[in-house]
All heavy atoms as atom14 arrays in JSON, in Angstrom:
{
  "sequence": "ASGEKQPDNITNIIQDERGFIWITSLNGLFRYDGF",
  "atom14_mask": [
    [1, 1, 1, 1, 1, 0, 0, 0, 0, 0, 0, 0, 0, 0],
    [1, 1, 1, 1, 1, 1, 0, 0, 0, 0, 0, 0, 0, 0],
    [1, 1, 1, 1, 0, 0, 0, 0, 0, 0, 0, 0, 0, 0],
    [1, 1, 1, 1, 1, 1, 1, 1, 1, 0, 0, 0, 0, 0],
    [1, 1, 1, 1, 1, 1, 1, 1, 1, 0, 0, 0, 0, 0],
    [1, 1, 1, 1, 1, 1, 1, 1, 1, 0, 0, 0, 0, 0],
    [1, 1, 1, 1, 1, 1, 1, 0, 0, 0, 0, 0, 0, 0],
    [1, 1, 1, 1, 1, 1, 1, 1, 0, 0, 0, 0, 0, 0],
    [1, 1, 1, 1, 1, 1, 1, 1, 0, 0, 0, 0, 0, 0],
    [1, 1, 1, 1, 1, 1, 1, 1, 0, 0, 0, 0, 0, 0],
    [1, 1, 1, 1, 1, 1, 1, 0, 0, 0, 0, 0, 0, 0],
    [1, 1, 1, 1, 1, 1, 1, 1, 0, 0, 0, 0, 0, 0],
    [1, 1, 1, 1, 1, 1, 1, 1, 0, 0, 0, 0, 0, 0],
    [1, 1, 1, 1, 1, 1, 1, 1, 0, 0, 0, 0, 0, 0],
    [1, 1, 1, 1, 1, 1, 1, 1, 1, 0, 0, 0, 0, 0],
    [1, 1, 1, 1, 1, 1, 1, 1, 0, 0, 0, 0, 0, 0],
    [1, 1, 1, 1, 1, 1, 1, 1, 1, 0, 0, 0, 0, 0],
    [1, 1, 1, 1, 1, 1, 1, 1, 1, 1, 1, 0, 0, 0],
    [1, 1, 1, 1, 0, 0, 0, 0, 0, 0, 0, 0, 0, 0],
    [1, 1, 1, 1, 1, 1, 1, 1, 1, 1, 1, 0, 0, 0],
    [1, 1, 1, 1, 1, 1, 1, 1, 0, 0, 0, 0, 0, 0],
    [1, 1, 1, 1, 1, 1, 1, 1, 1, 1, 1, 1, 1, 1],
    [1, 1, 1, 1, 1, 1, 1, 1, 0, 0, 0, 0, 0, 0],
    [1, 1, 1, 1, 1, 1, 1, 0, 0, 0, 0, 0, 0, 0],
    [1, 1, 1, 1, 1, 1, 0, 0, 0, 0, 0, 0, 0, 0],
    [1, 1, 1, 1, 1, 1, 1, 1, 0, 0, 0, 0, 0, 0],
    [1, 1, 1, 1, 1, 1, 1, 1, 0, 0, 0, 0, 0, 0],
    [1, 1, 1, 1, 0, 0, 0, 0, 0, 0, 0, 0, 0, 0],
    [1, 1, 1, 1, 1, 1, 1, 1, 0, 0, 0, 0, 0, 0],
    [1, 1, 1, 1, 1, 1, 1, 1, 1, 1, 1, 0, 0, 0],
    [1, 1, 1, 1, 1, 1, 1, 1, 1, 1, 1, 0, 0, 0],
    [1, 1, 1, 1, 1, 1, 1, 1, 1, 1, 1, 1, 0, 0],
    [1, 1, 1, 1, 1, 1, 1, 1, 0, 0, 0, 0, 0, 0],
    [1, 1, 1, 1, 0, 0, 0, 0, 0, 0, 0, 0, 0, 0],
    [1, 1, 1, 1, 1, 1, 1, 1, 1, 1, 1, 0, 0, 0]
  ],
  "atom14_positions": [
    [[170.63, -90.42, -11.37], [170.67, -91.26, -12.54], [170.04, -92.67, -12.18], [170.17, -93.07, -11.03], [172.11, -91.43, -13.1], [0.0, 0.0, 0.0], [0.0, 0.0, 0.0], [0.0, 0.0, 0.0], [0.0, 0.0, 0.0], [0.0, 0.0, 0.0], [0.0, 0.0, 0.0], [0.0, 0.0, 0.0], [0.0, 0.0, 0.0], [0.0, 0.0, 0.0]],
    [[169.48, -93.29, -13.16], [168.97, -94.59, -12.88], [170.12, -95.61, -12.87], [171.25, -95.41, -13.36], [167.99, -94.98, -14.01], [168.63, -94.97, -15.24], [0.0, 0.0, 0.0], [0.0, 0.0, 0.0], [0.0, 0.0, 0.0], [0.0, 0.0, 0.0], [0.0, 0.0, 0.0], [0.0, 0.0, 0.0], [0.0, 0.0, 0.0], [0.0, 0.0, 0.0]],
    [[169.76, -96.75, -12.34], [170.8, -97.84, -12.26], [171.46, -98.02, -10.93], [170.76, -98.25, -9.95], [0.0, 0.0, 0.0], [0.0, 0.0, 0.0], [0.0, 0.0, 0.0], [0.0, 0.0, 0.0], [0.0, 0.0, 0.0], [0.0, 0.0, 0.0], [0.0, 0.0, 0.0], [0.0, 0.0, 0.0], [0.0, 0.0, 0.0], [0.0, 0.0, 0.0]],
    [[172.74, -97.83, -10.86], [173.52, -98.16, -9.7], [173.24, -97.16, -8.54], [172.59, -96.06, -8.75], [174.99, -98.3, -9.94], [175.33, -99.36, -10.93], [176.84, -99.68, -10.93], [177.43, -99.63, -9.92], [177.35, -99.87, -12.09], [0.0, 0.0, 0.0], [0.0, 0.0, 0.0], [0.0, 0.0, 0.0], [0.0, 0.0, 0.0], [0.0, 0.0, 0.0]],
    [[173.78, -97.48, -7.39], [173.65, -96.64, -6.21], [174.21, -95.23, -6.5], [175.24, -95.08, -7.1], [174.41, -97.29, -5.05], [174.48, -96.46, -3.8], [175.23, -97.23, -2.71], [175.44, -96.27, -1.47], [174.16, -95.83, -0.9], [0.0, 0.0, 0.0], [0.0, 0.0, 0.0], [0.0, 0.0, 0.0], [0.0, 0.0, 0.0], [0.0, 0.0, 0.0]],
    [[173.49, -94.24, -5.97], [173.88, -92.81, -6.13], [175.0, -92.51, -5.05], [174.97, -93.1, -3.97], [172.69, -91.91, -5.88], [171.48, -92.22, -6.67], [171.62, -92.04, -8.12], [172.07, -90.94, -8.55], [171.38, -93.05, -8.94], [0.0, 0.0, 0.0], [0.0, 0.0, 0.0], [0.0, 0.0, 0.0], [0.0, 0.0, 0.0], [0.0, 0.0, 0.0]],
    [[175.92, -91.72, -5.36], [176.98, -91.39, -4.35], [176.49, -90.49, -3.23], [175.6, -89.6, -3.49], [177.97, -90.59, -5.18], [177.22, -90.05, -6.38], [176.17, -91.06, -6.67], [0.0, 0.0, 0.0], [0.0, 0.0, 0.0], [0.0, 0.0, 0.0], [0.0, 0.0, 0.0], [0.0, 0.0, 0.0], [0.0, 0.0, 0.0], [0.0, 0.0, 0.0]],
    [[176.89, -90.76, -2.01], [176.55, -89.93, -0.91], [177.8, -89.84, -0.03], [178.82, -90.52, -0.32], [175.35, -90.42, -0.14], [175.52, -91.86, 0.37], [176.64, -92.42, 0.26], [174.56, -92.47, 0.78], [0.0, 0.0, 0.0], [0.0, 0.0, 0.0], [0.0, 0.0, 0.0], [0.0, 0.0, 0.0], [0.0, 0.0, 0.0], [0.0, 0.0, 0.0]],
    [[177.76, -89.06, 0.99], [179.01, -88.82, 1.86], [180.16, -88.56, 0.98], [181.26, -89.08, 1.18], [179.23, -90.06, 2.76], [178.15, -90.23, 3.74], [177.83, -89.33, 4.51], [177.55, -91.43, 3.77], [0.0, 0.0, 0.0], [0.0, 0.0, 0.0], [0.0, 0.0, 0.0], [0.0, 0.0, 0.0], [0.0, 0.0, 0.0], [0.0, 0.0, 0.0]],
    [[180.0, -87.65, 0.03], [181.09, -87.31, -0.92], [182.2, -86.53, -0.29], [181.98, -85.57, 0.45], [180.46, -86.49, -2.1], [179.48, -87.42, -2.93], [181.54, -85.95, -3.06], [178.69, -86.68, -3.92], [0.0, 0.0, 0.0], [0.0, 0.0, 0.0], [0.0, 0.0, 0.0], [0.0, 0.0, 0.0], [0.0, 0.0, 0.0], [0.0, 0.0, 0.0]],
    [[183.43, -86.86, -0.6], [184.59, -86.22, -0.03], [185.43, -85.42, -1.02], [186.09, -84.43, -0.64], [185.49, -87.26, 0.63], [185.9, -88.23, -0.37], [184.8, -87.94, 1.84], [0.0, 0.0, 0.0], [0.0, 0.0, 0.0], [0.0, 0.0, 0.0], [0.0, 0.0, 0.0], [0.0, 0.0, 0.0], [0.0, 0.0, 0.0], [0.0, 0.0, 0.0]],
    [[185.3, -85.76, -2.34], [186.1, -85.04, -3.3], [185.57, -85.29, -4.7], [184.94, -86.35, -4.96], [187.56, -85.44, -3.19], [188.5, -84.25, -3.32], [188.25, -83.37, -4.21], [189.53, -84.22, -2.54], [0.0, 0.0, 0.0], [0.0, 0.0, 0.0], [0.0, 0.0, 0.0], [0.0, 0.0, 0.0], [0.0, 0.0, 0.0], [0.0, 0.0, 0.0]],
    [[185.8, -84.35, -5.6], [185.37, -84.51, -7.0], [186.47, -84.01, -7.91], [187.13, -83.03, -7.68], [184.07, -83.65, -7.26], [182.98, -84.01, -6.3], [183.52, -83.86, -8.68], [181.79, -83.09, -6.38], [0.0, 0.0, 0.0], [0.0, 0.0, 0.0], [0.0, 0.0, 0.0], [0.0, 0.0, 0.0], [0.0, 0.0, 0.0], [0.0, 0.0, 0.0]],
    [[186.65, -84.74, -9.05], [187.64, -84.27, -10.05], [187.23, -84.77, -11.41], [186.38, -85.69, -11.52], [189.02, -84.9, -9.66], [190.13, -84.1, -10.25], [189.06, -86.38, -10.06], [191.54, -84.47, -9.66], [0.0, 0.0, 0.0], [0.0, 0.0, 0.0], [0.0, 0.0, 0.0], [0.0, 0.0, 0.0], [0.0, 0.0, 0.0], [0.0, 0.0, 0.0]],
    [[187.69, -84.1, -12.45], [187.39, -84.47, -13.85], [188.68, -84.9, -14.57], [189.71, -84.27, -14.43], [186.73, -83.3, -14.58], [186.23, -83.69, -15.99], [185.49, -82.54, -16.64], [185.81, -81.33, -16.41], [184.5, -82.82, -17.41], [0.0, 0.0, 0.0], [0.0, 0.0, 0.0], [0.0, 0.0, 0.0], [0.0, 0.0, 0.0], [0.0, 0.0, 0.0]],
    [[188.56, -86.05, -15.3], [189.74, -86.54, -15.99], [189.85, -86.03, -17.43], [188.98, -85.24, -17.84], [189.8, -88.09, -15.96], [188.75, -88.73, -16.77], [188.02, -88.04, -17.58], [188.56, -89.99, -16.69], [0.0, 0.0, 0.0], [0.0, 0.0, 0.0], [0.0, 0.0, 0.0], [0.0, 0.0, 0.0], [0.0, 0.0, 0.0], [0.0, 0.0, 0.0]],
    [[190.83, -86.5, -18.14], [191.07, -85.94, -19.51], [190.03, -86.32, -20.5], [189.92, -85.73, -21.54], [192.46, -86.41, -20.0], [192.59, -87.85, -20.44], [192.68, -88.83, -19.25], [192.8, -88.34, -18.09], [192.66, -90.07, -19.52], [0.0, 0.0, 0.0], [0.0, 0.0, 0.0], [0.0, 0.0, 0.0], [0.0, 0.0, 0.0], [0.0, 0.0, 0.0]],
    [[189.23, -87.37, -20.16], [188.18, -87.79, -21.08], [186.85, -87.15, -20.75], [185.84, -87.36, -21.46], [188.04, -89.31, -21.05], [189.23, -90.06, -21.6], [188.91, -91.59, -21.62], [188.81, -92.16, -20.31], [188.38, -93.4, -20.07], [187.94, -94.12, -21.02], [188.32, -93.86, -18.84], [0.0, 0.0, 0.0], [0.0, 0.0, 0.0], [0.0, 0.0, 0.0]],
    [[186.83, -86.36, -19.69], [185.61, -85.63, -19.36], [184.79, -86.34, -18.28], [183.75, -85.77, -17.83], [0.0, 0.0, 0.0], [0.0, 0.0, 0.0], [0.0, 0.0, 0.0], [0.0, 0.0, 0.0], [0.0, 0.0, 0.0], [0.0, 0.0, 0.0], [0.0, 0.0, 0.0], [0.0, 0.0, 0.0], [0.0, 0.0, 0.0], [0.0, 0.0, 0.0]],
    [[185.18, -87.54, -17.82], [184.47, -88.15, -16.77], [184.62, -87.43, -15.45], [185.7, -86.96, -15.12], [184.9, -89.6, -16.62], [184.52, -90.52, -17.75], [185.55, -91.18, -18.46], [183.23, -90.71, -18.11], [185.17, -92.05, -19.52], [182.9, -91.59, -19.13], [183.81, -92.19, -19.87], [0.0, 0.0, 0.0], [0.0, 0.0, 0.0], [0.0, 0.0, 0.0]],
    [[183.6, -87.4, -14.65], [183.63, -86.9, -13.31], [183.83, -88.04, -12.34], [183.06, -89.04, -12.32], [182.3, -86.17, -12.92], [182.06, -85.04, -13.87], [182.4, -85.71, -11.5], [183.08, -83.9, -13.77], [0.0, 0.0, 0.0], [0.0, 0.0, 0.0], [0.0, 0.0, 0.0], [0.0, 0.0, 0.0], [0.0, 0.0, 0.0], [0.0, 0.0, 0.0]],
    [[184.9, -88.03, -11.57], [185.21, -89.05, -10.58], [184.95, -88.54, -9.2], [185.35, -87.4, -8.81], [186.71, -89.47, -10.73], [186.95, -90.19, -12.03], [187.36, -89.61, -13.17], [186.82, -91.56, -12.31], [187.51, -90.53, -14.16], [187.17, -91.77, -13.6], [186.43, -92.66, -11.46], [187.13, -93.03, -14.2], [186.42, -93.94, -12.05], [186.73, -94.08, -13.42]],
    [[184.24, -89.31, -8.41], [183.75, -88.88, -7.1], [184.29, -89.85, -6.05], [184.01, -91.06, -6.14], [182.25, -88.83, -7.09], [181.7, -87.94, -8.19], [181.69, -88.36, -5.73], [180.31, -88.11, -8.53], [0.0, 0.0, 0.0], [0.0, 0.0, 0.0], [0.0, 0.0, 0.0], [0.0, 0.0, 0.0], [0.0, 0.0, 0.0], [0.0, 0.0, 0.0]],
    [[184.95, -89.27, -5.03], [185.36, -90.13, -3.93], [184.28, -89.91, -2.78], [183.81, -88.83, -2.61], [186.72, -89.84, -3.36], [186.82, -88.41, -3.11], [187.81, -90.21, -4.41], [0.0, 0.0, 0.0], [0.0, 0.0, 0.0], [0.0, 0.0, 0.0], [0.0, 0.0, 0.0], [0.0, 0.0, 0.0], [0.0, 0.0, 0.0], [0.0, 0.0, 0.0]],
    [[183.99, -91.04, -2.09], [183.05, -90.97, -1.01], [183.46, -91.9, 0.09], [184.36, -92.7, -0.07], [181.66, -91.27, -1.57], [181.51, -92.63, -1.74], [0.0, 0.0, 0.0], [0.0, 0.0, 0.0], [0.0, 0.0, 0.0], [0.0, 0.0, 0.0], [0.0, 0.0, 0.0], [0.0, 0.0, 0.0], [0.0, 0.0, 0.0], [0.0, 0.0, 0.0]],
    [[182.63, -91.91, 1.15], [182.84, -92.86, 2.2], [182.11, -94.18, 1.86], [182.14, -95.1, 2.74], [182.33, -92.31, 3.53], [182.95, -91.01, 3.97], [182.44, -90.56, 5.34], [184.5, -91.17, 4.04], [0.0, 0.0, 0.0], [0.0, 0.0, 0.0], [0.0, 0.0, 0.0], [0.0, 0.0, 0.0], [0.0, 0.0, 0.0], [0.0, 0.0, 0.0]],
    [[181.65, -94.33, 0.65], [181.05, -95.52, 0.16], [181.63, -95.94, -1.13], [180.96, -96.62, -2.01], [179.53, -95.35, -0.06], [178.82, -95.16, 1.28], [178.96, -95.95, 2.19], [178.08, -94.04, 1.38], [0.0, 0.0, 0.0], [0.0, 0.0, 0.0], [0.0, 0.0, 0.0], [0.0, 0.0, 0.0], [0.0, 0.0, 0.0], [0.0, 0.0, 0.0]],
    [[182.92, -95.68, -1.37], [183.64, -96.09, -2.57], [183.78, -95.0, -3.58], [183.65, -93.8, -3.3], [0.0, 0.0, 0.0], [0.0, 0.0, 0.0], [0.0, 0.0, 0.0], [0.0, 0.0, 0.0], [0.0, 0.0, 0.0], [0.0, 0.0, 0.0], [0.0, 0.0, 0.0], [0.0, 0.0, 0.0], [0.0, 0.0, 0.0], [0.0, 0.0, 0.0]],
    [[184.18, -95.42, -4.82], [184.51, -94.53, -5.9], [183.39, -94.55, -6.96], [182.8, -95.62, -7.27], [185.83, -94.94, -6.57], [186.28, -94.17, -7.79], [186.71, -92.73, -7.46], [187.5, -94.88, -8.49], [0.0, 0.0, 0.0], [0.0, 0.0, 0.0], [0.0, 0.0, 0.0], [0.0, 0.0, 0.0], [0.0, 0.0, 0.0], [0.0, 0.0, 0.0]],
    [[183.04, -93.38, -7.52], [181.99, -93.3, -8.55], [182.51, -92.55, -9.74], [183.29, -91.6, -9.62], [180.75, -92.53, -7.96], [180.03, -93.33, -6.84], [180.49, -93.24, -5.59], [178.93, -94.05, -7.17], [179.81, -93.95, -4.58], [178.24, -94.76, -6.24], [178.69, -94.71, -4.84], [0.0, 0.0, 0.0], [0.0, 0.0, 0.0], [0.0, 0.0, 0.0]],
    [[181.97, -92.99, -10.9], [182.25, -92.33, -12.16], [180.97, -91.85, -12.79], [180.02, -92.62, -12.9], [182.95, -93.22, -13.18], [183.47, -92.52, -14.38], [183.88, -93.51, -15.48], [182.72, -94.14, -16.12], [182.76, -95.11, -17.04], [183.98, -95.57, -17.44], [181.68, -95.64, -17.57], [0.0, 0.0, 0.0], [0.0, 0.0, 0.0], [0.0, 0.0, 0.0]],
    [[180.92, -90.53, -13.16], [179.67, -90.05, -13.77], [180.03, -89.61, -15.23], [180.98, -88.83, -15.42], [179.19, -88.85, -12.95], [177.86, -88.29, -13.48], [176.71, -89.02, -13.57], [177.79, -86.98, -13.92], [175.52, -88.47, -14.04], [176.62, -86.37, -14.41], [175.48, -87.16, -14.47], [174.32, -86.64, -14.95], [0.0, 0.0, 0.0], [0.0, 0.0, 0.0]],
    [[179.26, -90.12, -16.2], [179.47, -89.78, -17.57], [178.52, -88.82, -18.18], [178.52, -88.62, -19.38], [179.51, -91.1, -18.35], [178.12, -91.83, -18.38], [177.17, -91.28, -17.8], [178.07, -92.93, -18.95], [0.0, 0.0, 0.0], [0.0, 0.0, 0.0], [0.0, 0.0, 0.0], [0.0, 0.0, 0.0], [0.0, 0.0, 0.0], [0.0, 0.0, 0.0]],
    [[177.71, -88.21, -17.32], [176.74, -87.25, -17.8], [175.33, -87.85, -17.86], [174.37, -87.12, -17.99], [0.0, 0.0, 0.0], [0.0, 0.0, 0.0], [0.0, 0.0, 0.0], [0.0, 0.0, 0.0], [0.0, 0.0, 0.0], [0.0, 0.0, 0.0], [0.0, 0.0, 0.0], [0.0, 0.0, 0.0], [0.0, 0.0, 0.0], [0.0, 0.0, 0.0]],
    [[175.28, -89.22, -17.77], [174.01, -89.88, -17.84], [173.73, -90.82, -16.66], [172.69, -90.85, -16.18], [173.89, -90.65, -19.15], [173.99, -89.81, -20.42], [175.2, -89.7, -21.09], [172.9, -89.16, -20.9], [175.28, -88.9, -22.2], [172.98, -88.37, -22.02], [174.21, -88.23, -22.66], [0.0, 0.0, 0.0], [0.0, 0.0, 0.0], [0.0, 0.0, 0.0]]
  ]
}
């Protein structure tokens, strides 16, 4: 996706009740909204 830094060194992935994908990594937390 364009914009902010892409996640790498991913350690875990989960989806919340609103449909967002949350990604933990060795470089912080990321939220993906499909775009």
